[in-house]
mmCIF file of all heavy atoms, coordinates in Angstrom:
data_MODEL
# 
_entry.id   MODEL 
# 
loop_
_atom_site.group_PDB 
_atom_site.id 
_atom_site.type_symbol 
_atom_site.label_atom_id 
_atom_site.label_alt_id 
_atom_site.label_comp_id 
_atom_site.label_asym_id 
_atom_site.label_entity_id 
_atom_site.label_seq_id 
_atom_site.pdbx_PDB_ins_code 
_atom_site.Cartn_x 
_atom_site.Cartn_y 
_atom_site.Cartn_z 
_atom_site.occupancy 
_atom_site.B_iso_or_equiv 
_atom_site.pdbx_formal_charge 
_atom_site.auth_seq_id 
_atom_site.auth_comp_id 
_atom_site.auth_asym_id 
_atom_site.auth_atom_id 
_atom_site.pdbx_PDB_model_num 
ATOM 1   N N   . CYS A 1 1  ? 1.156  -4.700  -5.697  1.00 0.00 ? 1  CYS A N   1 
ATOM 2   C CA  . CYS A 1 1  ? 1.578  -3.336  -5.779  1.00 0.00 ? 1  CYS A CA  1 
ATOM 3   C C   . CYS A 1 1  ? 0.288  -2.457  -5.857  1.00 0.00 ? 1  CYS A C   1 
ATOM 4   O O   . CYS A 1 1  ? -0.549 -2.688  -6.667  1.00 0.00 ? 1  CYS A O   1 
ATOM 5   C CB  . CYS A 1 1  ? 2.475  -3.101  -7.061  1.00 0.00 ? 1  CYS A CB  1 
ATOM 6   S SG  . CYS A 1 1  ? 3.046  -1.441  -7.215  1.00 0.00 ? 1  CYS A SG  1 
ATOM 7   N N   . LEU A 1 2  ? 0.160  -1.641  -4.794  1.00 0.00 ? 2  LEU A N   1 
ATOM 8   C CA  . LEU A 1 2  ? -0.906 -0.693  -4.801  1.00 0.00 ? 2  LEU A CA  1 
ATOM 9   C C   . LEU A 1 2  ? -0.448 0.597   -5.290  1.00 0.00 ? 2  LEU A C   1 
ATOM 10  O O   . LEU A 1 2  ? 0.572  1.122   -4.908  1.00 0.00 ? 2  LEU A O   1 
ATOM 11  C CB  . LEU A 1 2  ? -1.420 -0.584  -3.367  1.00 0.00 ? 2  LEU A CB  1 
ATOM 12  C CG  . LEU A 1 2  ? -1.891 -1.863  -2.614  1.00 0.00 ? 2  LEU A CG  1 
ATOM 13  C CD1 . LEU A 1 2  ? -2.132 -1.567  -1.158  1.00 0.00 ? 2  LEU A CD1 1 
ATOM 14  C CD2 . LEU A 1 2  ? -3.154 -2.368  -3.340  1.00 0.00 ? 2  LEU A CD2 1 
ATOM 15  N N   . VAL A 1 3  ? -1.178 1.292   -6.284  1.00 0.00 ? 3  VAL A N   1 
ATOM 16  C CA  . VAL A 1 3  ? -0.812 2.536   -6.819  1.00 0.00 ? 3  VAL A CA  1 
ATOM 17  C C   . VAL A 1 3  ? -1.888 3.561   -6.520  1.00 0.00 ? 3  VAL A C   1 
ATOM 18  O O   . VAL A 1 3  ? -3.122 3.344   -6.707  1.00 0.00 ? 3  VAL A O   1 
ATOM 19  C CB  . VAL A 1 3  ? -0.711 2.398   -8.317  1.00 0.00 ? 3  VAL A CB  1 
ATOM 20  C CG1 . VAL A 1 3  ? -0.161 3.739   -9.032  1.00 0.00 ? 3  VAL A CG1 1 
ATOM 21  C CG2 . VAL A 1 3  ? 0.391  1.254   -8.745  1.00 0.00 ? 3  VAL A CG2 1 
ATOM 22  N N   . GLY A 1 4  ? -1.492 4.627   -5.986  1.00 0.00 ? 4  GLY A N   1 
ATOM 23  C CA  . GLY A 1 4  ? -2.428 5.681   -5.717  1.00 0.00 ? 4  GLY A CA  1 
ATOM 24  C C   . GLY A 1 4  ? -1.717 7.043   -5.403  1.00 0.00 ? 4  GLY A C   1 
ATOM 25  O O   . GLY A 1 4  ? -0.493 7.126   -5.348  1.00 0.00 ? 4  GLY A O   1 
ATOM 26  N N   . GLY A 1 5  ? -2.595 8.086   -5.339  1.00 0.00 ? 5  GLY A N   1 
ATOM 27  C CA  . GLY A 1 5  ? -1.962 9.443   -5.131  1.00 0.00 ? 5  GLY A CA  1 
ATOM 28  C C   . GLY A 1 5  ? -1.950 9.868   -3.663  1.00 0.00 ? 5  GLY A C   1 
ATOM 29  O O   . GLY A 1 5  ? -1.299 10.964  -3.384  1.00 0.00 ? 5  GLY A O   1 
ATOM 30  N N   . ASP A 1 6  ? -2.588 9.156   -2.766  1.00 0.00 ? 6  ASP A N   1 
ATOM 31  C CA  . ASP A 1 6  ? -2.672 9.499   -1.424  1.00 0.00 ? 6  ASP A CA  1 
ATOM 32  C C   . ASP A 1 6  ? -1.538 8.884   -0.564  1.00 0.00 ? 6  ASP A C   1 
ATOM 33  O O   . ASP A 1 6  ? -1.387 7.643   -0.683  1.00 0.00 ? 6  ASP A O   1 
ATOM 34  C CB  . ASP A 1 6  ? -4.030 9.169   -0.762  1.00 0.00 ? 6  ASP A CB  1 
ATOM 35  C CG  . ASP A 1 6  ? -5.167 9.971   -1.342  1.00 0.00 ? 6  ASP A CG  1 
ATOM 36  O OD1 . ASP A 1 6  ? -4.854 11.058  -1.888  1.00 0.00 ? 6  ASP A OD1 1 
ATOM 37  O OD2 . ASP A 1 6  ? -6.394 9.606   -1.391  1.00 0.00 ? 6  ASP A OD2 1 
ATOM 38  N N   . SER A 1 7  ? -0.827 9.592   0.161   1.00 0.00 ? 7  SER A N   1 
ATOM 39  C CA  . SER A 1 7  ? 0.232  9.021   0.984   1.00 0.00 ? 7  SER A CA  1 
ATOM 40  C C   . SER A 1 7  ? -0.252 8.130   2.105   1.00 0.00 ? 7  SER A C   1 
ATOM 41  O O   . SER A 1 7  ? 0.450  7.246   2.519   1.00 0.00 ? 7  SER A O   1 
ATOM 42  C CB  . SER A 1 7  ? 1.159  10.053  1.619   1.00 0.00 ? 7  SER A CB  1 
ATOM 43  O OG  . SER A 1 7  ? 0.391  11.014  2.388   1.00 0.00 ? 7  SER A OG  1 
ATOM 44  N N   . ASP A 1 8  ? -1.555 8.310   2.552   1.00 0.00 ? 8  ASP A N   1 
ATOM 45  C CA  . ASP A 1 8  ? -2.112 7.485   3.650   1.00 0.00 ? 8  ASP A CA  1 
ATOM 46  C C   . ASP A 1 8  ? -2.330 6.000   3.144   1.00 0.00 ? 8  ASP A C   1 
ATOM 47  O O   . ASP A 1 8  ? -2.585 5.146   3.916   1.00 0.00 ? 8  ASP A O   1 
ATOM 48  C CB  . ASP A 1 8  ? -3.408 7.976   4.155   1.00 0.00 ? 8  ASP A CB  1 
ATOM 49  C CG  . ASP A 1 8  ? -4.452 8.205   3.036   1.00 0.00 ? 8  ASP A CG  1 
ATOM 50  O OD1 . ASP A 1 8  ? -4.167 7.971   1.911   1.00 0.00 ? 8  ASP A OD1 1 
ATOM 51  O OD2 . ASP A 1 8  ? -5.619 8.577   3.476   1.00 0.00 ? 8  ASP A OD2 1 
ATOM 52  N N   . LEU A 1 9  ? -2.226 5.810   1.732   1.00 0.00 ? 9  LEU A N   1 
ATOM 53  C CA  . LEU A 1 9  ? -2.350 4.454   1.283   1.00 0.00 ? 9  LEU A CA  1 
ATOM 54  C C   . LEU A 1 9  ? -1.285 3.582   1.786   1.00 0.00 ? 9  LEU A C   1 
ATOM 55  O O   . LEU A 1 9  ? -1.412 2.364   2.032   1.00 0.00 ? 9  LEU A O   1 
ATOM 56  C CB  . LEU A 1 9  ? -2.279 4.502   -0.205  1.00 0.00 ? 9  LEU A CB  1 
ATOM 57  C CG  . LEU A 1 9  ? -2.445 3.193   -1.040  1.00 0.00 ? 9  LEU A CG  1 
ATOM 58  C CD1 . LEU A 1 9  ? -3.731 2.462   -0.754  1.00 0.00 ? 9  LEU A CD1 1 
ATOM 59  C CD2 . LEU A 1 9  ? -2.188 3.400   -2.483  1.00 0.00 ? 9  LEU A CD2 1 
ATOM 60  N N   . LEU A 1 10 ? -0.082 4.053   2.118   1.00 0.00 ? 10 LEU A N   1 
ATOM 61  C CA  . LEU A 1 10 ? 1.050  3.357   2.704   1.00 0.00 ? 10 LEU A CA  1 
ATOM 62  C C   . LEU A 1 10 ? 0.649  2.853   4.116   1.00 0.00 ? 10 LEU A C   1 
ATOM 63  O O   . LEU A 1 10 ? 0.895  1.679   4.395   1.00 0.00 ? 10 LEU A O   1 
ATOM 64  C CB  . LEU A 1 10 ? 2.327  4.230   2.676   1.00 0.00 ? 10 LEU A CB  1 
ATOM 65  C CG  . LEU A 1 10 ? 3.582  3.468   3.155   1.00 0.00 ? 10 LEU A CG  1 
ATOM 66  C CD1 . LEU A 1 10 ? 3.915  2.329   2.195   1.00 0.00 ? 10 LEU A CD1 1 
ATOM 67  C CD2 . LEU A 1 10 ? 4.723  4.538   3.159   1.00 0.00 ? 10 LEU A CD2 1 
ATOM 68  N N   . LEU A 1 11 ? 0.149  3.698   4.909   1.00 0.00 ? 11 LEU A N   1 
ATOM 69  C CA  . LEU A 1 11 ? -0.322 3.279   6.321   1.00 0.00 ? 11 LEU A CA  1 
ATOM 70  C C   . LEU A 1 11 ? -1.515 2.279   6.271   1.00 0.00 ? 11 LEU A C   1 
ATOM 71  O O   . LEU A 1 11 ? -1.519 1.349   7.016   1.00 0.00 ? 11 LEU A O   1 
ATOM 72  C CB  . LEU A 1 11 ? -0.669 4.502   7.165   1.00 0.00 ? 11 LEU A CB  1 
ATOM 73  C CG  . LEU A 1 11 ? 0.518  5.451   7.414   1.00 0.00 ? 11 LEU A CG  1 
ATOM 74  C CD1 . LEU A 1 11 ? -0.027 6.627   8.222   1.00 0.00 ? 11 LEU A CD1 1 
ATOM 75  C CD2 . LEU A 1 11 ? 1.645  4.828   8.154   1.00 0.00 ? 11 LEU A CD2 1 
ATOM 76  N N   . MET A 1 12 ? -2.414 2.504   5.324   1.00 0.00 ? 12 MET A N   1 
ATOM 77  C CA  . MET A 1 12 ? -3.409 1.604   5.145   1.00 0.00 ? 12 MET A CA  1 
ATOM 78  C C   . MET A 1 12 ? -3.091 0.231   4.719   1.00 0.00 ? 12 MET A C   1 
ATOM 79  O O   . MET A 1 12 ? -3.569 -0.848  5.178   1.00 0.00 ? 12 MET A O   1 
ATOM 80  C CB  . MET A 1 12 ? -4.502 2.228   4.101   1.00 0.00 ? 12 MET A CB  1 
ATOM 81  C CG  . MET A 1 12 ? -5.186 3.476   4.659   1.00 0.00 ? 12 MET A CG  1 
ATOM 82  S SD  . MET A 1 12 ? -6.186 4.344   3.306   1.00 0.00 ? 12 MET A SD  1 
ATOM 83  C CE  . MET A 1 12 ? -7.476 3.086   3.118   1.00 0.00 ? 12 MET A CE  1 
ATOM 84  N N   . ALA A 1 13 ? -2.042 0.226   3.850   1.00 0.00 ? 13 ALA A N   1 
ATOM 85  C CA  . ALA A 1 13 ? -1.524 -1.020  3.359   1.00 0.00 ? 13 ALA A CA  1 
ATOM 86  C C   . ALA A 1 13 ? -0.761 -1.770  4.549   1.00 0.00 ? 13 ALA A C   1 
ATOM 87  O O   . ALA A 1 13 ? -0.734 -3.010  4.613   1.00 0.00 ? 13 ALA A O   1 
ATOM 88  C CB  . ALA A 1 13 ? -0.588 -0.873  2.151   1.00 0.00 ? 13 ALA A CB  1 
ATOM 89  N N   . ALA A 1 14 ? -0.136 -0.991  5.373   1.00 0.00 ? 14 ALA A N   1 
ATOM 90  C CA  . ALA A 1 14 ? 0.569  -1.605  6.517   1.00 0.00 ? 14 ALA A CA  1 
ATOM 91  C C   . ALA A 1 14 ? -0.375 -2.235  7.499   1.00 0.00 ? 14 ALA A C   1 
ATOM 92  O O   . ALA A 1 14 ? -0.003 -3.218  8.170   1.00 0.00 ? 14 ALA A O   1 
ATOM 93  C CB  . ALA A 1 14 ? 1.359  -0.588  7.226   1.00 0.00 ? 14 ALA A CB  1 
ATOM 94  N N   . ALA A 1 15 ? -1.631 -1.816  7.544   1.00 0.00 ? 15 ALA A N   1 
ATOM 95  C CA  . ALA A 1 15 ? -2.561 -2.385  8.471   1.00 0.00 ? 15 ALA A CA  1 
ATOM 96  C C   . ALA A 1 15 ? -3.352 -3.580  7.749   1.00 0.00 ? 15 ALA A C   1 
ATOM 97  O O   . ALA A 1 15 ? -4.087 -4.343  8.397   1.00 0.00 ? 15 ALA A O   1 
ATOM 98  C CB  . ALA A 1 15 ? -3.564 -1.413  8.884   1.00 0.00 ? 15 ALA A CB  1 
ATOM 99  N N   . CYS A 1 16 ? -3.034 -3.812  6.490   1.00 0.00 ? 16 CYS A N   1 
ATOM 100 C CA  . CYS A 1 16 ? -3.746 -4.964  5.780   1.00 0.00 ? 16 CYS A CA  1 
ATOM 101 C C   . CYS A 1 16 ? -2.805 -6.073  5.702   1.00 0.00 ? 16 CYS A C   1 
ATOM 102 O O   . CYS A 1 16 ? -1.615 -5.976  5.411   1.00 0.00 ? 16 CYS A O   1 
ATOM 103 C CB  . CYS A 1 16 ? -4.084 -4.370  4.309   1.00 0.00 ? 16 CYS A CB  1 
ATOM 104 S SG  . CYS A 1 16 ? -4.936 -5.627  3.336   1.00 0.00 ? 16 CYS A SG  1 
ATOM 105 N N   . ARG A 1 17 ? -3.412 -7.208  5.815   1.00 0.00 ? 17 ARG A N   1 
ATOM 106 C CA  . ARG A 1 17 ? -2.589 -8.425  5.811   1.00 0.00 ? 17 ARG A CA  1 
ATOM 107 C C   . ARG A 1 17 ? -2.845 -9.237  4.499   1.00 0.00 ? 17 ARG A C   1 
ATOM 108 O O   . ARG A 1 17 ? -3.945 -9.474  4.092   1.00 0.00 ? 17 ARG A O   1 
ATOM 109 C CB  . ARG A 1 17 ? -2.875 -9.403  6.930   1.00 0.00 ? 17 ARG A CB  1 
ATOM 110 C CG  . ARG A 1 17 ? -2.485 -8.823  8.322   1.00 0.00 ? 17 ARG A CG  1 
ATOM 111 C CD  . ARG A 1 17 ? -0.952 -8.732  8.368   1.00 0.00 ? 17 ARG A CD  1 
ATOM 112 N NE  . ARG A 1 17 ? -0.475 -7.993  9.630   1.00 0.00 ? 17 ARG A NE  1 
ATOM 113 C CZ  . ARG A 1 17 ? -0.116 -6.775  9.742   1.00 0.00 ? 17 ARG A CZ  1 
ATOM 114 N NH1 . ARG A 1 17 ? -0.249 -6.058  8.603   1.00 0.00 ? 17 ARG A NH1 1 
ATOM 115 N NH2 . ARG A 1 17 ? 0.267  -6.312  10.867  1.00 0.00 ? 17 ARG A NH2 1 
ATOM 116 N N   . ALA A 1 18 ? -1.739 -9.417  3.762   1.00 0.00 ? 18 ALA A N   1 
ATOM 117 C CA  . ALA A 1 18 ? -1.832 -10.193 2.447   1.00 0.00 ? 18 ALA A CA  1 
ATOM 118 C C   . ALA A 1 18 ? -0.940 -11.426 2.495   1.00 0.00 ? 18 ALA A C   1 
ATOM 119 O O   . ALA A 1 18 ? -0.075 -11.473 3.286   1.00 0.00 ? 18 ALA A O   1 
ATOM 120 C CB  . ALA A 1 18 ? -1.436 -9.300  1.350   1.00 0.00 ? 18 ALA A CB  1 
ATOM 121 N N   . ASP A 1 19 ? -1.183 -12.300 1.519   1.00 0.00 ? 19 ASP A N   1 
ATOM 122 C CA  . ASP A 1 19 ? -0.477 -13.560 1.507   1.00 0.00 ? 19 ASP A CA  1 
ATOM 123 C C   . ASP A 1 19 ? 0.966  -13.318 0.977   1.00 0.00 ? 19 ASP A C   1 
ATOM 124 O O   . ASP A 1 19 ? 1.872  -14.100 1.375   1.00 0.00 ? 19 ASP A O   1 
ATOM 125 C CB  . ASP A 1 19 ? -1.157 -14.563 0.625   1.00 0.00 ? 19 ASP A CB  1 
ATOM 126 C CG  . ASP A 1 19 ? -2.513 -14.999 1.105   1.00 0.00 ? 19 ASP A CG  1 
ATOM 127 O OD1 . ASP A 1 19 ? -2.597 -14.929 2.383   1.00 0.00 ? 19 ASP A OD1 1 
ATOM 128 O OD2 . ASP A 1 19 ? -3.390 -15.402 0.456   1.00 0.00 ? 19 ASP A OD2 1 
ATOM 129 N N   . GLY A 1 20 ? 1.072  -12.391 0.160   1.00 0.00 ? 20 GLY A N   1 
ATOM 130 C CA  . GLY A 1 20 ? 2.531  -12.131 -0.423  1.00 0.00 ? 20 GLY A CA  1 
ATOM 131 C C   . GLY A 1 20 ? 3.021  -10.678 -0.105  1.00 0.00 ? 20 GLY A C   1 
ATOM 132 O O   . GLY A 1 20 ? 2.374  -9.957  0.609   1.00 0.00 ? 20 GLY A O   1 
ATOM 133 N N   . PRO A 1 21 ? 4.196  -10.420 -0.484  1.00 0.00 ? 21 PRO A N   1 
ATOM 134 C CA  . PRO A 1 21 ? 4.818  -9.097  -0.284  1.00 0.00 ? 21 PRO A CA  1 
ATOM 135 C C   . PRO A 1 21 ? 3.906  -7.992  -0.910  1.00 0.00 ? 21 PRO A C   1 
ATOM 136 O O   . PRO A 1 21 ? 3.423  -8.179  -1.979  1.00 0.00 ? 21 PRO A O   1 
ATOM 137 C CB  . PRO A 1 21 ? 6.179  -9.201  -0.971  1.00 0.00 ? 21 PRO A CB  1 
ATOM 138 C CG  . PRO A 1 21 ? 6.485  -10.642 -1.149  1.00 0.00 ? 21 PRO A CG  1 
ATOM 139 C CD  . PRO A 1 21 ? 5.188  -11.301 -1.335  1.00 0.00 ? 21 PRO A CD  1 
ATOM 140 N N   . VAL A 1 22 ? 3.901  -6.857  -0.186  1.00 0.00 ? 22 VAL A N   1 
ATOM 141 C CA  . VAL A 1 22 ? 3.130  -5.643  -0.711  1.00 0.00 ? 22 VAL A CA  1 
ATOM 142 C C   . VAL A 1 22 ? 4.002  -4.485  -0.884  1.00 0.00 ? 22 VAL A C   1 
ATOM 143 O O   . VAL A 1 22 ? 4.769  -4.190  0.046   1.00 0.00 ? 22 VAL A O   1 
ATOM 144 C CB  . VAL A 1 22 ? 1.947  -5.407  0.324   1.00 0.00 ? 22 VAL A CB  1 
ATOM 145 C CG1 . VAL A 1 22 ? 1.134  -4.213  -0.193  1.00 0.00 ? 22 VAL A CG1 1 
ATOM 146 C CG2 . VAL A 1 22 ? 1.066  -6.689  0.486   1.00 0.00 ? 22 VAL A CG2 1 
ATOM 147 N N   . PHE A 1 23 ? 3.875  -3.865  -1.980  1.00 0.00 ? 23 PHE A N   1 
ATOM 148 C CA  . PHE A 1 23 ? 4.541  -2.529  -2.264  1.00 0.00 ? 23 PHE A CA  1 
ATOM 149 C C   . PHE A 1 23 ? 3.464  -1.484  -2.557  1.00 0.00 ? 23 PHE A C   1 
ATOM 150 O O   . PHE A 1 23 ? 2.429  -1.779  -3.067  1.00 0.00 ? 23 PHE A O   1 
ATOM 151 C CB  . PHE A 1 23 ? 5.530  -2.729  -3.450  1.00 0.00 ? 23 PHE A CB  1 
ATOM 152 C CG  . PHE A 1 23 ? 6.623  -3.610  -3.168  1.00 0.00 ? 23 PHE A CG  1 
ATOM 153 C CD1 . PHE A 1 23 ? 6.543  -4.978  -3.419  1.00 0.00 ? 23 PHE A CD1 1 
ATOM 154 C CD2 . PHE A 1 23 ? 7.838  -3.123  -2.706  1.00 0.00 ? 23 PHE A CD2 1 
ATOM 155 C CE1 . PHE A 1 23 ? 7.576  -5.822  -3.114  1.00 0.00 ? 23 PHE A CE1 1 
ATOM 156 C CE2 . PHE A 1 23 ? 8.900  -4.040  -2.448  1.00 0.00 ? 23 PHE A CE2 1 
ATOM 157 C CZ  . PHE A 1 23 ? 8.744  -5.363  -2.681  1.00 0.00 ? 23 PHE A CZ  1 
ATOM 158 N N   . VAL A 1 24 ? 3.787  -0.300  -2.236  1.00 0.00 ? 24 VAL A N   1 
ATOM 159 C CA  . VAL A 1 24 ? 2.949  0.871   -2.501  1.00 0.00 ? 24 VAL A CA  1 
ATOM 160 C C   . VAL A 1 24 ? 3.679  1.800   -3.423  1.00 0.00 ? 24 VAL A C   1 
ATOM 161 O O   . VAL A 1 24 ? 4.818  2.275   -3.148  1.00 0.00 ? 24 VAL A O   1 
ATOM 162 C CB  . VAL A 1 24 ? 2.496  1.529   -1.268  1.00 0.00 ? 24 VAL A CB  1 
ATOM 163 C CG1 . VAL A 1 24 ? 1.673  2.823   -1.632  1.00 0.00 ? 24 VAL A CG1 1 
ATOM 164 C CG2 . VAL A 1 24 ? 1.607  0.567   -0.387  1.00 0.00 ? 24 VAL A CG2 1 
ATOM 165 N N   . MET A 1 25 ? 3.059  2.149   -4.577  1.00 0.00 ? 25 MET A N   1 
ATOM 166 C CA  . MET A 1 25 ? 3.615  3.144   -5.504  1.00 0.00 ? 25 MET A CA  1 
ATOM 167 C C   . MET A 1 25 ? 2.805  4.400   -5.389  1.00 0.00 ? 25 MET A C   1 
ATOM 168 O O   . MET A 1 25 ? 1.604  4.388   -5.794  1.00 0.00 ? 25 MET A O   1 
ATOM 169 C CB  . MET A 1 25 ? 3.620  2.602   -6.944  1.00 0.00 ? 25 MET A CB  1 
ATOM 170 C CG  . MET A 1 25 ? 4.295  3.492   -7.927  1.00 0.00 ? 25 MET A CG  1 
ATOM 171 S SD  . MET A 1 25 ? 4.193  2.828   -9.648  1.00 0.00 ? 25 MET A SD  1 
ATOM 172 C CE  . MET A 1 25 ? 5.260  1.304   -9.452  1.00 0.00 ? 25 MET A CE  1 
ATOM 173 N N   . VAL A 1 26 ? 3.425  5.417   -4.844  1.00 0.00 ? 26 VAL A N   1 
ATOM 174 C CA  . VAL A 1 26 ? 2.767  6.704   -4.748  1.00 0.00 ? 26 VAL A CA  1 
ATOM 175 C C   . VAL A 1 26 ? 2.904  7.460   -5.932  1.00 0.00 ? 26 VAL A C   1 
ATOM 176 O O   . VAL A 1 26 ? 4.118  7.857   -6.239  1.00 0.00 ? 26 VAL A O   1 
ATOM 177 C CB  . VAL A 1 26 ? 3.229  7.438   -3.409  1.00 0.00 ? 26 VAL A CB  1 
ATOM 178 C CG1 . VAL A 1 26 ? 2.556  8.787   -3.229  1.00 0.00 ? 26 VAL A CG1 1 
ATOM 179 C CG2 . VAL A 1 26 ? 3.127  6.660   -2.165  1.00 0.00 ? 26 VAL A CG2 1 
ATOM 180 N N   . ASP A 1 27 ? 1.872  7.777   -6.572  1.00 0.00 ? 27 ASP A N   1 
ATOM 181 C CA  . ASP A 1 27 ? 1.921  8.504   -7.872  1.00 0.00 ? 27 ASP A CA  1 
ATOM 182 C C   . ASP A 1 27 ? 1.268  9.894   -7.723  1.00 0.00 ? 27 ASP A C   1 
ATOM 183 O O   . ASP A 1 27 ? 0.141  10.032  -7.336  1.00 0.00 ? 27 ASP A O   1 
ATOM 184 C CB  . ASP A 1 27 ? 1.248  7.648   -8.974  1.00 0.00 ? 27 ASP A CB  1 
ATOM 185 C CG  . ASP A 1 27 ? 1.216  8.496   -10.293 1.00 0.00 ? 27 ASP A CG  1 
ATOM 186 O OD1 . ASP A 1 27 ? 2.242  8.855   -10.837 1.00 0.00 ? 27 ASP A OD1 1 
ATOM 187 O OD2 . ASP A 1 27 ? 0.067  8.663   -10.837 1.00 0.00 ? 27 ASP A OD2 1 
# 
């Protein structure tokens, strides 16, 4: 789970490959 205030974090996480499921919490 990635937590941040920038909405572009969601697109950056989509371009990143991880071993497990990834969620983004926009705060």
